[in-house]
């Protein structure tokens, strides 16, 4: 059985902004909030490293990477 695990990696800054806005963050500050999360290392832009036998998928509608393995 394959396991799908969401990550804190987003395909772009805009994907992260869209995701957090959909989670209820304020439209006027979500861009700054995302930049702060990137600065603190809470989220990352770009794909995560994966191990042999794993693969990446972008979660539908989230712009966030998941590891399948």
N, C-alpha and C. Protein backbone atom coordinates (compact mmCIF):
# COMPACT_ATOMS: atom_id res chain seq x y z
N UNK A 1 0.84 -1.18 0.00
CA UNK A 1 0.00 0.00 0.00
C UNK A 1 0.88 1.25 0.00
N UNK A 2 0.64 2.15 -0.92
CA UNK A 2 1.40 3.39 -1.01
C UNK A 2 0.80 4.42 -0.06
N UNK A 3 1.68 5.21 0.54
CA UNK A 3 1.26 6.25 1.47
C UNK A 3 1.52 7.61 0.81
N UNK A 4 0.55 8.51 0.92
CA UNK A 4 0.68 9.87 0.41
C UNK A 4 0.83 10.81 1.60
N UNK A 5 1.95 11.54 1.63
CA UNK A 5 2.21 12.45 2.74
C UNK A 5 2.40 13.87 2.20
N UNK A 6 1.55 14.79 2.63
CA UNK A 6 1.69 16.18 2.25
C UNK A 6 2.95 16.77 2.86
N UNK A 7 3.50 17.77 2.19
CA UNK A 7 4.72 18.42 2.68
C UNK A 7 4.48 19.92 2.85
N UNK A 8 5.48 20.60 3.34
CA UNK A 8 5.43 22.06 3.47
C UNK A 8 6.04 22.74 2.25
N UNK A 9 6.23 21.98 1.17
CA UNK A 9 6.82 22.50 -0.07
C UNK A 9 5.72 22.87 -1.06
N UNK A 10 5.82 24.07 -1.62
CA UNK A 10 4.85 24.55 -2.60
C UNK A 10 5.55 24.73 -3.94
N UNK A 11 4.77 24.61 -5.03
CA UNK A 11 5.38 24.74 -6.36
C UNK A 11 5.78 26.18 -6.68
N UNK A 12 5.18 27.17 -6.00
CA UNK A 12 5.54 28.57 -6.21
C UNK A 12 5.06 29.40 -5.02
N UNK A 13 5.57 30.63 -4.95
CA UNK A 13 5.09 31.54 -3.90
C UNK A 13 3.61 31.81 -4.08
N UNK A 14 3.17 31.98 -5.33
CA UNK A 14 1.74 32.25 -5.59
C UNK A 14 0.88 31.07 -5.14
N UNK A 15 1.36 29.85 -5.33
CA UNK A 15 0.62 28.67 -4.87
C UNK A 15 0.45 28.71 -3.35
N UNK A 16 1.51 29.12 -2.65
CA UNK A 16 1.44 29.22 -1.19
C UNK A 16 0.45 30.31 -0.78
N UNK A 17 0.49 31.45 -1.45
CA UNK A 17 -0.45 32.53 -1.16
C UNK A 17 -1.88 32.05 -1.38
N UNK A 18 -2.13 31.41 -2.49
CA UNK A 18 -3.48 30.91 -2.79
C UNK A 18 -3.93 29.90 -1.74
N UNK A 19 -3.03 29.00 -1.35
CA UNK A 19 -3.35 27.98 -0.35
C UNK A 19 -3.74 28.63 0.98
N UNK A 20 -2.90 29.54 1.47
CA UNK A 20 -3.19 30.14 2.78
C UNK A 20 -4.41 31.06 2.73
N UNK A 21 -4.64 31.70 1.61
CA UNK A 21 -5.87 32.49 1.46
C UNK A 21 -7.09 31.58 1.56
N UNK A 22 -7.02 30.40 0.93
CA UNK A 22 -8.14 29.45 0.99
C UNK A 22 -8.33 28.89 2.40
N UNK A 23 -7.29 28.99 3.24
CA UNK A 23 -7.38 28.52 4.61
C UNK A 23 -7.85 29.62 5.57
N UNK A 24 -8.21 30.79 5.03
CA UNK A 24 -8.78 31.84 5.86
C UNK A 24 -7.86 33.01 6.18
N UNK A 25 -6.66 33.01 5.64
CA UNK A 25 -5.78 34.16 5.87
C UNK A 25 -6.35 35.38 5.17
N UNK A 26 -6.11 36.55 5.74
CA UNK A 26 -6.63 37.80 5.22
C UNK A 26 -6.04 38.14 3.86
N UNK A 27 -6.88 38.53 2.92
CA UNK A 27 -6.45 38.85 1.55
C UNK A 27 -5.39 39.94 1.52
N UNK A 28 -5.49 40.90 2.43
CA UNK A 28 -4.57 42.04 2.43
C UNK A 28 -3.20 41.73 3.02
N UNK A 29 -3.10 40.66 3.80
CA UNK A 29 -1.82 40.36 4.45
C UNK A 29 -1.24 39.00 4.11
N UNK A 30 -1.97 38.19 3.36
CA UNK A 30 -1.52 36.81 3.11
C UNK A 30 -0.16 36.76 2.40
N UNK A 31 0.11 37.68 1.51
CA UNK A 31 1.41 37.70 0.84
C UNK A 31 2.56 37.89 1.82
N UNK A 32 2.38 38.83 2.74
CA UNK A 32 3.40 39.06 3.77
C UNK A 32 3.51 37.86 4.71
N UNK A 33 2.35 37.28 5.05
CA UNK A 33 2.35 36.10 5.92
C UNK A 33 3.15 34.96 5.29
N UNK A 34 2.94 34.74 3.99
CA UNK A 34 3.65 33.67 3.30
C UNK A 34 5.15 33.97 3.27
N UNK A 35 5.52 35.20 2.97
CA UNK A 35 6.95 35.55 2.95
C UNK A 35 7.59 35.32 4.32
N UNK A 36 6.86 35.62 5.37
CA UNK A 36 7.37 35.38 6.73
C UNK A 36 7.53 33.89 6.99
N UNK A 37 6.58 33.08 6.55
CA UNK A 37 6.68 31.62 6.71
C UNK A 37 7.89 31.08 5.94
N UNK A 38 8.15 31.62 4.76
CA UNK A 38 9.33 31.21 3.99
C UNK A 38 10.60 31.61 4.75
N UNK A 39 10.64 32.84 5.22
CA UNK A 39 11.80 33.34 5.96
C UNK A 39 12.11 32.49 7.19
N UNK A 40 11.06 32.08 7.90
CA UNK A 40 11.23 31.28 9.12
C UNK A 40 11.49 29.81 8.82
N UNK A 41 11.34 29.40 7.54
CA UNK A 41 11.56 28.00 7.19
C UNK A 41 10.35 27.12 7.43
N UNK A 42 9.20 27.73 7.72
CA UNK A 42 7.98 26.95 7.96
C UNK A 42 7.46 26.34 6.68
N UNK A 43 7.65 27.03 5.56
CA UNK A 43 7.29 26.49 4.25
C UNK A 43 8.45 26.72 3.30
N UNK A 44 8.47 25.95 2.21
CA UNK A 44 9.54 26.04 1.23
C UNK A 44 8.94 26.10 -0.17
N UNK A 45 9.67 26.73 -1.08
CA UNK A 45 9.24 26.82 -2.47
C UNK A 45 10.12 25.86 -3.28
N UNK A 46 9.47 25.00 -4.04
CA UNK A 46 10.18 24.01 -4.84
C UNK A 46 10.01 22.62 -4.27
N UNK A 47 10.35 21.62 -5.06
CA UNK A 47 10.12 20.24 -4.65
C UNK A 47 11.05 19.80 -3.52
N UNK A 48 10.55 18.92 -2.66
CA UNK A 48 11.41 18.35 -1.62
C UNK A 48 12.28 17.24 -2.22
N UNK A 49 13.32 16.88 -1.50
CA UNK A 49 14.12 15.73 -1.88
C UNK A 49 13.33 14.47 -1.56
N UNK A 50 13.49 13.48 -2.43
CA UNK A 50 12.81 12.21 -2.19
C UNK A 50 13.82 11.07 -2.22
N UNK A 51 13.42 9.95 -1.65
CA UNK A 51 14.27 8.76 -1.60
C UNK A 51 13.95 7.86 -2.79
N UNK A 52 14.84 6.94 -3.05
CA UNK A 52 14.59 5.94 -4.09
C UNK A 52 13.26 5.24 -3.80
N UNK A 53 12.46 5.05 -4.83
CA UNK A 53 11.18 4.38 -4.69
C UNK A 53 10.03 5.32 -4.37
N UNK A 54 10.33 6.58 -4.09
CA UNK A 54 9.29 7.57 -3.84
C UNK A 54 9.07 8.40 -5.09
N UNK A 55 7.92 9.05 -5.15
CA UNK A 55 7.66 9.99 -6.25
C UNK A 55 6.89 11.18 -5.69
N UNK A 56 6.90 12.25 -6.47
CA UNK A 56 6.21 13.48 -6.07
C UNK A 56 4.90 13.63 -6.82
N UNK A 57 3.97 14.27 -6.15
CA UNK A 57 2.68 14.62 -6.74
C UNK A 57 2.31 15.99 -6.18
N UNK A 58 1.66 16.80 -6.99
CA UNK A 58 1.15 18.08 -6.47
C UNK A 58 -0.30 17.86 -6.07
N UNK A 59 -0.60 18.17 -4.82
CA UNK A 59 -1.95 17.94 -4.30
C UNK A 59 -2.95 18.81 -5.05
N UNK A 60 -3.99 18.20 -5.52
CA UNK A 60 -5.00 18.85 -6.33
C UNK A 60 -5.57 20.07 -5.62
N UNK A 61 -5.46 21.22 -6.27
CA UNK A 61 -6.04 22.44 -5.73
C UNK A 61 -5.24 23.13 -4.66
N UNK A 62 -4.10 22.53 -4.24
CA UNK A 62 -3.32 23.13 -3.16
C UNK A 62 -2.00 23.73 -3.62
N UNK A 63 -1.46 23.23 -4.72
CA UNK A 63 -0.15 23.69 -5.15
C UNK A 63 0.97 23.25 -4.24
N UNK A 64 0.67 22.23 -3.44
CA UNK A 64 1.61 21.73 -2.44
C UNK A 64 2.05 20.33 -2.85
N UNK A 65 3.34 20.05 -2.64
CA UNK A 65 3.86 18.73 -3.00
C UNK A 65 3.49 17.68 -1.97
N UNK A 66 3.27 16.48 -2.47
CA UNK A 66 3.09 15.31 -1.62
C UNK A 66 4.12 14.27 -2.06
N UNK A 67 4.56 13.48 -1.12
CA UNK A 67 5.48 12.37 -1.41
C UNK A 67 4.66 11.09 -1.37
N UNK A 68 4.78 10.31 -2.43
CA UNK A 68 4.10 9.02 -2.53
C UNK A 68 5.17 7.95 -2.39
N UNK A 69 4.98 7.06 -1.44
CA UNK A 69 5.99 6.02 -1.26
C UNK A 69 5.52 4.90 -0.39
